Amino acid sequence: MDKNKLAIQKEIPNVEIKYLIHTIRGKQVMLDTDVAKLYGYETKNINKAVKRNIERFPEDFWFQLTENEVENLRFQFGTSSLEKENYGGRRYLPYVFTEQGIAMLAGILKSDIAVKVSINIIKSFIEMQKFLMFNGQIFERMINIESKLLEYDKRFSQFFYQLQLEENIKQRIFFQGQIYDAYSLIIDIIKRANQKILIIDNYIDDTILKMLTKKKKNVEVKIVTSSKSKIQNLDIQKFNKQYPVLKITHTNQFHDRFIVIDEKELYHCGASIKDLGKKCFAINQIEDKKMAERIIKV
């Protein structure tokens, strides 16, 4: 008996060969582990036979899967032979055979069973090709429907998130220690801007610059603060080189902290942005749009 073989079965294994055929890289292929089982060989010896005759197996006959392809195949079909414990102890990724590769493999194995198995496998490839050809339009429609459903799901998620965001922003109280929660809410407010952001805070420092890196591209930012603020001109210059445009003006006309988004959304902040979460404070959205207009004109 050939030492490369397992115990040769008298009959071709009772399996539905067509269910072992997968589509990868636009080609119909069969895993080396499944091919080996059908032929009655060990997987490693099937691949050794190919490598000894590698000039007969170009890439459109036989190729190795990538990790992503293995994961996608295992996820879609739950293929047991793709589980790591079923690799037979090998340390390499699985190979696959195309229809032409199966035909060539039968020639180099040179056994009656190999020929019979190859004929059945090739017939299954042909059946699968006919099936895909006749049902191609149905599959295409299903893919289109799936794409539309995914798009609708994405839009719904964005809409639902926006509703939650608006509800959370209207009035929030943060207690001592909720530094990250308060920081995240300010980031969410900044992300809402499509054109302009106005920040009024007498005690601003470079903390705000880190937050403003999250703003949308080309959104203009104006910070109104006191002359005693700790933000440096050099910081502003460096920020503008990467995240333009930021301008700073100084005034003593404000006591409280405000954020105005796109000249219409007005938020009142009970604590300086640099001190978020250090003590209990609140952030409120002021619904009166006229108030936003008045704040801008000060």
Protein backbone atom coordinates (compact mmCIF):
# COMPACT_ATOMS: atom_id res chain seq x y z
CA MET A 1 0.00 0.00 0.00
CA ASP A 2 1.19 3.50 -0.78
CA LYS A 3 2.54 4.96 2.48
CA ASN A 4 1.23 8.37 1.47
CA LYS A 5 -2.34 7.14 1.60
CA LEU A 6 -4.74 6.58 4.43
CA ALA A 7 -6.83 3.41 4.34
CA ILE A 8 -8.25 3.58 0.81
CA GLN A 9 -12.01 3.35 0.68
CA LYS A 10 -13.58 0.93 -1.77
CA GLU A 11 -16.21 3.47 -2.72
CA ILE A 12 -16.16 7.20 -3.16
CA PRO A 13 -17.13 8.85 0.17
CA ASN A 14 -20.85 9.49 0.50
CA VAL A 15 -20.76 13.28 0.51
CA GLU A 16 -22.40 15.99 -1.50
CA ILE A 17 -19.31 17.22 -3.30
CA LYS A 18 -21.02 20.38 -4.54
CA TYR A 19 -21.32 21.62 -0.94
CA LEU A 20 -17.53 21.47 -0.67
CA ILE A 21 -17.07 23.95 -3.53
CA HIS A 22 -16.59 27.62 -2.60
CA THR A 23 -16.07 30.82 -4.56
CA ILE A 24 -12.81 32.64 -3.72
CA ARG A 25 -11.10 35.36 -5.78
CA GLY A 26 -13.80 34.88 -8.40
CA LYS A 27 -12.89 31.19 -8.83
CA GLN A 28 -14.68 28.02 -7.78
CA VAL A 29 -12.35 26.08 -5.51
CA MET A 30 -12.17 23.17 -3.09
CA LEU A 31 -10.11 23.08 0.11
CA ASP A 32 -7.07 20.81 0.17
CA THR A 33 -8.40 19.10 3.31
CA ASP A 34 -11.65 18.18 1.52
CA VAL A 35 -9.79 17.05 -1.60
CA ALA A 36 -7.55 14.84 0.52
CA LYS A 37 -10.51 13.18 2.22
CA LEU A 38 -12.14 12.43 -1.12
CA TYR A 39 -8.94 10.92 -2.52
CA GLY A 40 -8.11 8.98 0.67
CA TYR A 41 -4.82 10.82 1.20
CA GLU A 42 -3.39 12.90 4.03
CA THR A 43 -3.62 16.64 3.31
CA LYS A 44 0.12 17.18 3.71
CA ASN A 45 0.88 14.46 1.14
CA ILE A 46 -1.56 15.91 -1.39
CA ASN A 47 0.26 19.24 -1.13
CA LYS A 48 3.67 17.57 -1.25
CA ALA A 49 2.68 15.88 -4.50
CA VAL A 50 1.70 19.27 -5.92
CA LYS A 51 4.96 20.91 -4.84
CA ARG A 52 6.97 18.11 -6.44
CA ASN A 53 5.16 18.96 -9.70
CA ILE A 54 4.74 22.67 -9.10
CA GLU A 55 5.35 23.55 -12.76
CA ARG A 56 2.02 21.85 -13.53
CA PHE A 57 0.11 23.96 -10.97
CA PRO A 58 0.02 27.67 -11.85
CA GLU A 59 -1.92 29.99 -9.56
CA ASP A 60 -5.21 29.44 -11.42
CA PHE A 61 -4.90 25.70 -10.58
CA TRP A 62 -3.80 25.79 -6.94
CA PHE A 63 -3.15 28.65 -4.47
CA GLN A 64 -2.84 29.35 -0.77
CA LEU A 65 -5.53 31.27 1.14
CA THR A 66 -4.86 34.39 3.17
CA GLU A 67 -5.88 34.66 6.83
CA ASN A 68 -8.79 36.95 5.89
CA GLU A 69 -10.01 34.48 3.27
CA VAL A 70 -9.90 31.64 5.80
CA GLU A 71 -11.82 33.70 8.37
CA ASN A 72 -14.43 34.81 5.83
CA LEU A 73 -14.92 31.24 4.62
CA ARG A 74 -15.20 29.87 8.13
CA PHE A 75 -17.64 32.64 9.13
CA GLN A 76 -19.87 32.15 6.07
CA PHE A 77 -19.98 28.37 5.95
CA GLY A 78 -18.80 27.23 9.38
CA THR A 79 -16.40 24.91 7.57
CA SER A 80 -15.03 22.53 10.22
CA SER A 81 -11.84 21.83 8.26
CA LEU A 82 -10.93 25.49 8.68
CA GLU A 83 -10.87 25.33 12.45
CA LYS A 84 -7.27 25.47 13.68
CA GLU A 85 -7.65 22.24 15.63
CA ASN A 86 -8.56 20.50 12.36
CA TYR A 87 -5.55 21.66 10.37
CA GLY A 88 -3.93 18.35 11.19
CA GLY A 89 -1.20 20.06 13.20
CA ARG A 90 0.12 22.00 10.21
CA ARG A 91 1.39 25.51 10.71
CA TYR A 92 0.49 26.95 7.32
CA LEU A 93 -2.69 28.33 5.81
CA PRO A 94 -4.85 25.98 3.70
CA TYR A 95 -4.48 25.62 -0.06
CA VAL A 96 -7.33 25.32 -2.55
CA PHE A 97 -7.72 23.58 -5.92
CA THR A 98 -9.63 24.91 -8.91
CA GLU A 99 -11.36 22.60 -11.40
CA GLN A 100 -8.21 22.56 -13.55
CA GLY A 101 -6.12 21.79 -10.47
CA ILE A 102 -8.29 18.79 -9.64
CA ALA A 103 -7.86 17.43 -13.17
CA MET A 104 -4.09 17.87 -12.99
CA LEU A 105 -3.96 16.29 -9.52
CA ALA A 106 -5.60 13.08 -10.79
CA GLY A 107 -2.83 12.79 -13.37
CA ILE A 108 0.05 12.97 -10.87
CA LEU A 109 -1.55 10.67 -8.26
CA LYS A 110 -1.93 7.90 -10.84
CA SER A 111 -4.53 5.71 -9.18
CA ASP A 112 -7.91 4.37 -10.27
CA ILE A 113 -9.65 5.90 -7.26
CA ALA A 114 -8.03 9.29 -7.98
CA VAL A 115 -9.39 9.22 -11.54
CA LYS A 116 -12.90 8.22 -10.40
CA VAL A 117 -12.95 10.85 -7.65
CA SER A 118 -11.65 13.53 -10.01
CA ILE A 119 -14.41 12.79 -12.51
CA ASN A 120 -17.05 13.20 -9.80
CA ILE A 121 -15.46 16.40 -8.49
CA ILE A 122 -15.25 17.94 -11.98
CA LYS A 123 -18.88 17.01 -12.62
CA SER A 124 -19.77 18.81 -9.39
CA PHE A 125 -17.81 21.88 -10.52
CA ILE A 126 -19.76 21.88 -13.78
CA GLU A 127 -23.09 21.53 -11.92
CA MET A 128 -22.15 24.42 -9.66
CA GLN A 129 -21.19 26.59 -12.63
CA LYS A 130 -24.57 25.90 -14.25
CA PHE A 131 -26.34 26.65 -10.98
CA LEU A 132 -24.53 29.97 -10.58
CA MET A 133 -25.15 30.89 -14.21
CA PHE A 134 -28.90 30.19 -14.03
CA ASN A 135 -29.30 31.88 -10.65
CA GLY A 136 -26.84 34.73 -11.14
CA GLN A 137 -29.54 37.38 -11.45
CA ILE A 138 -31.24 36.19 -8.28
CA PHE A 139 -27.95 36.34 -6.36
CA GLU A 140 -27.27 39.82 -7.74
CA ARG A 141 -30.69 41.01 -6.61
CA MET A 142 -30.13 39.51 -3.16
CA ILE A 143 -26.78 41.28 -2.89
CA ASN A 144 -28.38 44.58 -3.94
CA ILE A 145 -31.17 44.12 -1.39
CA GLU A 146 -28.63 43.30 1.31
CA SER A 147 -26.60 46.41 0.43
CA LYS A 148 -29.71 48.59 0.64
CA LEU A 149 -30.69 47.05 3.99
CA LEU A 150 -27.19 47.72 5.34
CA GLU A 151 -27.40 51.32 4.12
CA TYR A 152 -30.83 51.80 5.73
CA ASP A 153 -29.53 50.24 8.94
CA LYS A 154 -26.58 52.62 8.90
CA ARG A 155 -28.83 55.64 8.34
CA PHE A 156 -31.20 54.52 11.10
CA SER A 157 -28.28 54.08 13.50
CA GLN A 158 -27.01 57.57 12.68
CA PHE A 159 -30.50 59.04 13.11
CA PHE A 160 -31.03 57.19 16.40
CA TYR A 161 -27.59 58.31 17.63
CA GLN A 162 -28.42 61.91 16.70
CA LEU A 163 -31.68 61.74 18.67
CA GLN A 164 -29.85 60.36 21.68
CA LEU A 165 -27.15 62.98 21.33
CA GLU A 166 -29.62 65.85 21.17
CA GLU A 167 -31.50 64.48 24.17
CA ASN A 168 -28.27 64.09 26.17
CA ILE A 169 -26.97 67.54 25.30
CA LYS A 170 -30.08 69.54 26.20
CA GLN A 171 -29.38 69.31 29.90
CA ARG A 172 -26.65 67.36 31.63
CA ILE A 173 -25.33 67.52 35.18
CA PHE A 174 -21.88 66.14 35.88
CA PHE A 175 -20.69 65.30 39.37
CA GLN A 176 -17.20 65.49 40.76
CA GLY A 177 -14.98 62.94 39.03
CA GLN A 178 -17.00 62.65 35.79
CA ILE A 179 -14.11 64.14 33.85
CA TYR A 180 -14.23 61.85 30.83
CA ASP A 181 -18.04 62.01 30.53
CA ALA A 182 -17.95 65.81 30.48
CA TYR A 183 -15.02 65.82 28.07
CA SER A 184 -16.92 63.45 25.72
CA LEU A 185 -20.01 65.67 25.72
CA ILE A 186 -17.97 68.74 24.76
CA ILE A 187 -16.44 66.69 21.92
CA ASP A 188 -19.94 65.72 20.76
CA ILE A 189 -20.96 69.40 20.73
CA ILE A 190 -17.83 70.34 18.75
CA LYS A 191 -18.53 67.60 16.18
CA ARG A 192 -21.99 69.07 15.50
CA ALA A 193 -20.51 72.15 13.85
CA ASN A 194 -20.48 72.28 10.06
CA GLN A 195 -19.20 75.86 9.63
CA LYS A 196 -18.36 77.77 12.82
CA ILE A 197 -17.65 77.28 16.50
CA LEU A 198 -17.58 80.10 19.04
CA ILE A 199 -16.18 79.31 22.49
CA ILE A 200 -16.39 81.85 25.32
CA ASP A 201 -14.32 80.96 28.39
CA ASN A 202 -12.17 83.36 30.43
CA TYR A 203 -9.94 80.59 31.78
CA ILE A 204 -9.23 78.64 28.62
CA ASP A 205 -5.94 76.76 28.18
CA ASP A 206 -4.44 74.37 25.60
CA THR A 207 -6.86 71.63 26.74
CA ILE A 208 -9.38 73.05 24.28
CA LEU A 209 -6.96 72.56 21.39
CA LYS A 210 -6.94 68.80 21.92
CA MET A 211 -10.74 68.82 21.82
CA LEU A 212 -10.84 70.94 18.68
CA THR A 213 -8.80 68.38 16.74
CA LYS A 214 -12.08 66.40 16.62
CA LYS A 215 -13.92 69.13 14.69
CA LYS A 216 -14.92 68.67 11.07
CA LYS A 217 -12.47 69.82 8.44
CA ASN A 218 -12.58 73.54 7.52
CA VAL A 219 -14.82 74.47 10.45
CA GLU A 220 -13.75 77.92 11.67
CA VAL A 221 -13.17 78.37 15.40
CA LYS A 222 -13.19 81.58 17.39
CA ILE A 223 -12.25 81.61 21.07
CA VAL A 224 -13.19 84.60 23.22
CA THR A 225 -11.26 84.70 26.49
CA SER A 226 -9.68 87.08 28.97
CA SER A 227 -6.20 88.47 28.60
CA LYS A 228 -5.18 86.28 31.54
CA SER A 229 -5.90 82.98 29.78
CA LYS A 230 -3.03 80.50 29.61
CA ILE A 231 -3.32 79.62 25.95
CA GLN A 232 -0.16 80.63 24.08
CA ASN A 233 0.19 82.20 20.63
CA LEU A 234 2.70 79.51 19.68
CA ASP A 235 0.10 76.83 20.45
CA ILE A 236 -2.40 78.60 18.20
CA GLN A 237 0.10 78.91 15.36
CA LYS A 238 0.96 75.21 15.48
CA PHE A 239 -2.70 74.25 15.68
CA ASN A 240 -3.56 76.35 12.62
CA LYS A 241 -0.93 74.62 10.53
CA GLN A 242 -2.80 71.34 10.86
CA TYR A 243 -6.39 72.23 11.84
CA PRO A 244 -7.21 75.68 10.42
CA VAL A 245 -8.77 78.10 11.19
CA LEU A 246 -8.54 79.18 14.85
CA LYS A 247 -8.75 82.81 16.02
CA ILE A 248 -8.55 84.21 19.55
CA THR A 249 -9.88 87.53 20.85
CA HIS A 250 -9.74 88.94 24.36
CA THR A 251 -12.52 90.63 26.32
CA ASN A 252 -13.75 91.03 29.91
CA GLN A 253 -17.46 91.25 29.04
CA PHE A 254 -18.32 87.63 29.92
CA HIS A 255 -18.54 85.91 33.27
CA ASP A 256 -20.08 82.55 32.26
CA ARG A 257 -18.92 80.03 29.65
CA PHE A 258 -20.74 79.55 26.33
CA ILE A 259 -20.37 77.50 23.13
CA VAL A 260 -22.15 78.55 19.94
CA ILE A 261 -22.41 76.08 17.04
CA ASP A 262 -23.01 77.39 13.50
CA GLU A 263 -24.36 80.67 14.96
CA LYS A 264 -27.63 79.01 16.02
CA GLU A 265 -27.04 76.41 18.76
CA LEU A 266 -26.17 77.91 22.13
CA TYR A 267 -24.80 75.92 25.08
CA HIS A 268 -24.17 77.25 28.59
CA CYS A 269 -21.37 75.57 30.53
CA GLY A 270 -21.25 75.96 34.30
CA ALA A 271 -17.52 75.25 34.53
CA SER A 272 -14.47 76.27 32.57
CA ILE A 273 -13.57 73.72 29.92
CA LYS A 274 -10.17 73.20 31.54
CA ASP A 275 -11.88 72.21 34.82
CA LEU A 276 -14.50 69.77 33.50
CA GLY A 277 -15.48 67.20 36.13
CA LYS A 278 -13.39 68.63 38.95
CA LYS A 279 -16.57 69.85 40.69
CA CYS A 280 -20.28 69.35 40.13
CA PHE A 281 -21.53 71.48 37.21
CA ALA A 282 -24.11 71.49 34.40
CA ILE A 283 -24.18 71.94 30.62
CA ASN A 284 -27.45 73.24 29.18
CA GLN A 285 -28.66 73.94 25.67
CA ILE A 286 -30.46 77.27 25.45
CA GLU A 287 -33.37 76.85 23.03
CA ASP A 288 -33.90 80.56 22.30
CA LYS A 289 -32.01 81.14 19.01
CA LYS A 290 -32.13 84.90 19.51
CA MET A 291 -29.86 84.45 22.54
CA ALA A 292 -27.24 82.87 20.29
CA GLU A 293 -27.42 85.86 17.95
CA ARG A 294 -27.02 88.29 20.87
CA ILE A 295 -24.02 86.37 22.27
CA ILE A 296 -22.30 86.48 18.86
CA LYS A 297 -22.73 90.24 18.57
CA VAL A 298 -21.17 91.02 21.98
